[in-house]
Protein backbone atom coordinates (compact mmCIF):
# COMPACT_ATOMS: atom_id res chain seq x y z
CA MET A 1 54.13 23.75 26.71
CA ARG A 2 52.66 24.26 23.20
CA ARG A 3 51.66 20.77 23.00
CA LYS A 4 49.71 20.89 26.30
CA LYS A 5 48.10 24.13 24.90
CA ARG A 6 47.21 22.39 21.53
CA TRP A 7 46.05 19.82 23.40
CA GLY A 8 43.72 21.93 25.76
CA TYR A 9 42.23 23.59 22.63
CA ILE A 10 41.45 20.30 20.93
CA LYS A 11 39.76 19.28 24.24
CA ALA A 12 37.50 22.88 24.40
CA CYS A 13 36.47 22.10 21.06
CA ALA A 14 35.43 18.77 21.39
CA LEU A 15 33.59 19.90 24.48
CA CYS A 16 32.06 22.54 22.50
CA MET A 17 30.97 20.41 19.98
CA ALA A 18 29.63 17.56 22.12
CA LEU A 19 27.53 20.33 24.00
CA LEU A 20 26.39 21.85 20.62
CA GLY A 21 25.07 18.26 19.36
CA GLY A 22 23.56 17.49 22.33
CA GLY A 23 22.07 20.54 22.38
CA ALA A 24 20.62 20.22 18.58
CA LEU A 25 19.44 16.69 19.82
CA ALA A 26 17.60 17.91 22.76
CA ALA A 27 15.92 20.62 20.86
CA GLU A 28 15.19 18.07 18.06
CA ASP A 29 13.60 15.54 20.61
CA PHE A 30 11.51 18.66 22.03
CA PHE A 31 10.60 20.23 19.09
CA GLN A 32 10.85 17.16 16.47
CA TRP A 33 11.62 19.64 13.86
CA SER A 34 12.99 17.20 11.48
CA ARG A 35 10.31 14.17 11.66
CA LEU A 36 7.46 13.87 9.59
CA ARG A 37 4.53 15.22 11.02
CA THR A 38 1.59 14.83 9.04
CA PHE A 39 0.92 11.90 6.23
CA VAL A 40 -2.59 12.76 5.38
CA VAL A 41 -5.35 11.36 2.66
CA HIS A 42 -7.02 13.91 0.58
CA PRO A 43 -9.87 13.55 0.17
CA GLU A 44 -10.38 12.51 4.00
CA GLY A 45 -11.45 8.53 4.48
CA VAL A 46 -10.74 7.70 0.75
CA ILE A 47 -8.01 5.05 1.71
CA ALA A 48 -7.09 4.28 5.62
CA GLU A 49 -4.09 6.43 6.93
CA GLU A 50 -2.85 3.50 8.58
CA VAL A 51 -2.38 1.78 5.11
CA LEU A 52 -0.20 5.12 4.27
CA TRP A 53 1.96 5.04 7.33
CA SER A 54 2.85 1.25 7.01
CA LEU A 55 4.64 2.32 3.62
CA VAL A 56 6.79 5.20 5.09
CA PRO A 57 10.59 4.14 5.27
CA ARG A 58 11.82 4.00 8.54
CA GLY A 59 14.18 6.84 8.27
CA ALA A 60 11.54 9.30 6.84
CA LEU A 61 9.91 9.04 10.12
CA ARG A 62 12.82 10.90 11.79
CA CYS A 63 14.19 12.79 8.98
CA TRP A 64 11.11 13.77 6.55
CA TRP A 65 13.27 15.59 3.80
CA ILE A 66 14.47 12.22 2.88
CA PHE A 67 10.92 10.86 2.50
CA PRO A 68 10.37 12.34 -1.29
CA GLU A 69 12.92 10.38 -2.59
CA SER A 70 10.55 7.53 -2.01
CA PHE A 71 7.43 9.14 -3.32
CA ARG A 72 7.20 7.49 -6.46
CA THR A 73 7.99 3.85 -5.14
CA VAL A 74 4.89 4.46 -2.48
CA GLU A 75 2.33 5.63 -5.54
CA ASP A 76 3.54 2.68 -7.58
CA TYR A 77 2.65 0.25 -4.68
CA LEU A 78 -0.83 1.86 -4.29
CA ASP A 79 -1.21 1.73 -7.81
CA ARG A 80 -0.26 -2.03 -7.88
CA MET A 81 -2.13 -3.37 -4.52
CA TYR A 82 -5.11 -1.20 -4.22
CA PRO A 83 -7.74 -0.01 -6.70
CA VAL A 84 -6.51 3.39 -6.72
CA ARG A 85 -4.43 6.03 -8.40
CA ALA A 86 -2.28 8.01 -6.13
CA ASN A 87 -0.18 11.17 -5.99
CA LEU A 88 2.12 12.32 -2.98
CA ASP A 89 3.08 15.91 -2.38
CA LEU A 90 5.04 17.45 -0.13
CA VAL A 91 2.80 20.26 1.29
CA GLY A 92 4.96 21.85 4.23
CA PHE A 93 7.77 21.26 7.03
CA GLY A 94 7.53 17.45 7.55
CA ASP A 95 3.75 17.54 6.24
CA VAL A 96 3.09 15.11 3.30
CA VAL A 97 -0.64 14.81 1.50
CA CYS A 98 -1.59 11.65 -0.70
CA SER A 99 -4.25 12.59 -2.98
CA VAL A 100 -6.06 9.50 -3.90
CA VAL A 101 -8.52 8.74 -6.71
CA PRO A 102 -10.42 5.48 -6.59
CA LEU A 103 -10.74 3.48 -9.35
CA HIS A 104 -14.38 3.57 -11.15
CA PRO A 105 -15.22 -0.10 -12.66
CA VAL A 106 -17.84 0.48 -15.49
CA LEU A 107 -18.51 -3.22 -15.42
CA VAL A 108 -17.87 -6.76 -14.04
CA VAL A 109 -16.35 -9.19 -16.09
CA ARG A 110 -16.80 -13.21 -15.33
CA TRP A 111 -13.72 -14.91 -16.64
CA ARG A 112 -12.84 -18.45 -15.99
CA GLY A 113 -15.80 -18.50 -13.09
CA GLU A 114 -14.18 -15.51 -11.18
CA ASP A 115 -15.73 -11.69 -11.38
CA TRP A 116 -13.39 -8.86 -12.19
CA TYR A 117 -14.06 -5.35 -11.90
CA LEU A 118 -12.73 -3.11 -15.16
CA ASP A 119 -12.28 0.25 -15.04
CA ASP A 120 -12.17 1.12 -18.83
CA GLU A 121 -10.59 4.71 -18.61
CA GLU A 122 -7.69 3.57 -16.75
CA GLY A 123 -7.24 0.27 -18.18
CA ALA A 124 -7.17 -1.63 -15.14
CA ILE A 125 -8.96 -4.93 -14.09
CA TRP A 126 -9.03 -6.60 -10.78
CA ARG A 127 -10.65 -9.20 -8.72
CA THR A 128 -14.27 -7.94 -7.00
CA ASP A 129 -13.11 -9.76 -4.03
CA LEU A 130 -9.59 -8.03 -3.47
CA PRO A 131 -9.52 -7.42 0.12
CA GLU A 132 -8.28 -4.21 -0.54
CA ASN A 133 -11.63 -3.03 -1.91
CA LEU A 134 -13.02 -2.78 1.34
CA LEU A 135 -10.34 -0.44 2.37
CA VAL A 136 -11.23 2.18 -0.37
CA GLN A 137 -14.13 4.26 0.04
CA GLY A 138 -16.18 4.85 -2.75
CA LEU A 139 -15.80 1.85 -4.79
CA GLN A 140 -19.22 0.77 -5.61
CA ARG A 141 -20.00 -2.65 -7.94
CA PRO A 142 -21.56 -1.76 -11.41
CA GLU A 143 -25.41 -2.15 -12.26
CA GLY A 144 -26.41 -4.99 -14.62
CA PRO A 145 -25.24 -8.57 -14.98
CA PRO A 146 -21.47 -9.54 -15.62
CA LEU A 147 -20.12 -9.82 -19.04
CA GLU A 148 -19.21 -13.16 -19.33
CA TRP A 149 -15.71 -13.58 -21.40
CA GLY A 150 -15.57 -16.78 -23.19
CA GLU A 151 -12.68 -18.93 -22.92
CA ASP A 152 -11.75 -18.97 -26.38
CA MET A 153 -11.44 -15.18 -25.79
CA PRO A 154 -8.18 -13.63 -25.31
CA VAL A 155 -7.00 -13.26 -21.71
CA PRO A 156 -8.70 -10.25 -20.37
CA VAL A 157 -5.75 -9.71 -17.84
CA ALA A 158 -2.00 -8.71 -19.01
CA PRO A 159 0.65 -11.09 -17.60
CA ALA A 160 2.90 -8.79 -15.02
CA GLY A 161 6.23 -9.61 -14.14
CA GLU A 162 5.80 -7.93 -10.34
CA ASP A 163 3.79 -8.51 -7.64
CA ARG A 164 0.28 -6.81 -8.09
CA ARG A 165 -3.29 -7.15 -7.70
CA VAL A 166 -4.68 -4.61 -9.85
CA PHE A 167 -3.80 -5.53 -13.32
CA ARG A 168 -3.57 -3.84 -16.73
CA SER A 169 -6.80 -4.93 -19.02
CA ARG A 170 -6.39 -6.39 -22.44
CA ILE A 171 -9.80 -5.91 -23.42
CA PRO A 172 -10.14 -3.35 -25.85
CA SER A 173 -11.74 -0.11 -24.81
CA GLY A 174 -12.81 1.21 -28.04
CA LEU A 175 -14.69 -2.28 -28.55
CA LEU A 176 -16.50 -2.00 -25.10
CA ARG A 177 -17.25 2.07 -25.65
CA ALA A 178 -18.94 0.71 -29.07
CA TRP A 179 -21.13 -2.24 -27.12
CA HIS A 180 -21.89 0.44 -24.38
CA LYS A 181 -23.02 3.09 -26.71
CA ALA A 182 -24.83 0.53 -28.89
CA LEU A 183 -26.89 -0.70 -25.87
CA ASP A 184 -27.75 2.90 -24.60
CA SER A 185 -28.84 3.70 -27.98
CA LEU A 186 -31.19 0.71 -28.08
CA LYS A 187 -32.27 1.98 -24.36
CA ILE A 188 -32.01 -2.01 -23.45
CA ARG A 189 -29.40 -2.10 -20.80
CA SER A 190 -31.60 -2.58 -18.20
CA ARG A 191 -33.75 -5.32 -19.45
CA VAL A 192 -30.23 -7.32 -20.51
CA GLU A 193 -30.58 -10.38 -18.17
CA ARG A 194 -27.31 -11.97 -19.40
CA TRP A 195 -24.55 -10.98 -22.06
CA ARG A 196 -21.37 -12.90 -22.82
CA VAL A 197 -18.65 -12.50 -25.50
CA ARG A 198 -17.31 -15.41 -27.49
CA LYS A 199 -14.94 -16.31 -30.30
CA CYS A 200 -15.70 -18.64 -33.17
CA LYS A 201 -13.58 -19.21 -36.45
CA GLY A 202 -11.88 -16.36 -35.41
CA LEU A 203 -15.26 -13.51 -35.32
CA GLU A 204 -16.14 -12.35 -31.97
CA PHE A 205 -19.62 -12.77 -31.32
CA VAL A 206 -21.66 -10.92 -28.50
CA GLU A 207 -25.09 -12.82 -27.23
CA ILE A 208 -27.36 -10.71 -25.24
CA THR A 209 -30.45 -12.39 -23.25
CA LEU A 210 -33.80 -10.16 -22.58
CA PRO A 211 -37.18 -10.90 -22.40
CA MET A 212 -39.38 -9.74 -25.65
CA GLY A 213 -42.87 -10.49 -26.09
CA GLY A 214 -42.78 -12.99 -23.22
CA HIS A 215 -40.11 -14.71 -24.52
CA SER A 216 -36.78 -15.11 -23.26
CA VAL A 217 -34.67 -14.34 -26.34
CA THR A 218 -30.99 -14.71 -26.62
CA VAL A 219 -29.69 -12.39 -29.52
CA VAL A 220 -26.20 -13.28 -31.35
CA LEU A 221 -24.60 -10.09 -32.78
CA ASP A 222 -21.45 -9.09 -34.38
CA GLY A 223 -19.06 -7.80 -31.94
CA THR A 224 -16.92 -5.92 -34.20
CA ASN A 225 -19.95 -4.08 -35.95
CA ALA A 226 -21.77 -2.64 -32.74
CA ALA A 227 -22.71 0.02 -35.04
CA ALA A 228 -25.31 -2.79 -36.64
CA TRP A 229 -26.87 -3.47 -33.64
CA VAL A 230 -29.51 -0.93 -33.61
CA GLN A 231 -30.84 -2.12 -36.91
CA MET A 232 -30.70 -5.92 -35.88
CA VAL A 233 -32.19 -5.60 -32.29
CA PRO A 234 -35.51 -4.06 -33.69
CA ALA A 235 -35.80 -6.44 -36.38
CA VAL A 236 -35.51 -9.17 -33.97
CA GLU A 237 -38.39 -7.58 -31.80
CA LYS A 238 -40.56 -7.67 -34.78
CA ILE A 239 -39.81 -11.37 -35.80
CA VAL A 240 -40.73 -12.40 -32.08
CA GLU A 241 -43.96 -10.52 -32.25
CA THR A 242 -45.25 -12.38 -35.08
CA LEU A 243 -44.63 -15.69 -33.06
CA GLY A 244 -47.71 -15.12 -30.84
CA GLY A 245 -48.14 -15.76 -27.18
CA GLY A 246 -46.55 -18.26 -24.64
CA THR A 247 -43.12 -18.62 -23.35
CA ALA A 248 -40.28 -19.98 -25.12
CA THR A 249 -36.50 -19.84 -24.96
CA LEU A 250 -35.40 -18.43 -27.92
CA VAL A 251 -32.12 -17.59 -29.93
CA ALA A 252 -31.87 -15.02 -32.72
CA ASP A 253 -28.74 -15.34 -34.69
CA THR A 254 -28.26 -12.09 -36.59
CA THR A 255 -24.46 -12.57 -37.94
CA TYR A 256 -25.67 -14.32 -41.27
CA GLY A 257 -25.76 -10.72 -43.03
CA ASP A 258 -28.84 -11.04 -45.40
CA LYS A 259 -31.17 -13.10 -42.89
CA ILE A 260 -31.87 -13.45 -39.13
CA VAL A 261 -32.30 -17.04 -37.90
CA VAL A 262 -34.56 -17.69 -34.99
CA ARG A 263 -34.88 -21.17 -33.52
CA LYS A 264 -35.96 -22.52 -29.89
CA ASN A 265 -32.75 -22.68 -27.57
CA TYR A 266 -32.57 -26.57 -26.49
CA GLN A 267 -29.54 -26.12 -24.27
């Protein structure tokens, strides 16, 4: 008799649990309280929301509370594969916001025949023809000619042991800032037609081509001493003025220290 009562009690409990479980599932299916409700981009439109939703783990779509465990993974993926910096935040009951800041290229580096964007602040470098560039709003190509990176210079792209399309730059940021500051001080950046950096006998040289007095002049400068550019370039202009009219393609080498050598460029 006791066994029958115990068995009846167990069946009643099992039935109640089944009813409660079924009710909870039905309520969840109707109200969807445990599902990831929103996953939006801020500012709106910076990157396609379809990209974000494709990165959500399958389990997190139905149980939003497990998604924060994957925030860092999603942020790292976006930083590696897209020219952005991303940060995910849980802002409500199943609501996630992805704050996205596009990278800001300050110049284009031409290396081995390919053009690369360089964000000096973030130390990031990536291909200008990267398909993901089209998915990021606000990304603009900097004005001016690309900086041609010589084959004898150190590789500008840091090696990566993981799959990525946005790489760490090995170009010294302090050096670039010094070059830009010198060009801005001289107020010649808009006149520069070509510039490149190369290494010879352990020394770095920057060659800047721009029009002077009707001539096309390539000024060879010491890349490690940009502060001296503000004296060297005006000195070259004065020398070119003494050459008179006509047009010629000239090279003015300012790296001798005590003199400036101007010659015709026969290349």
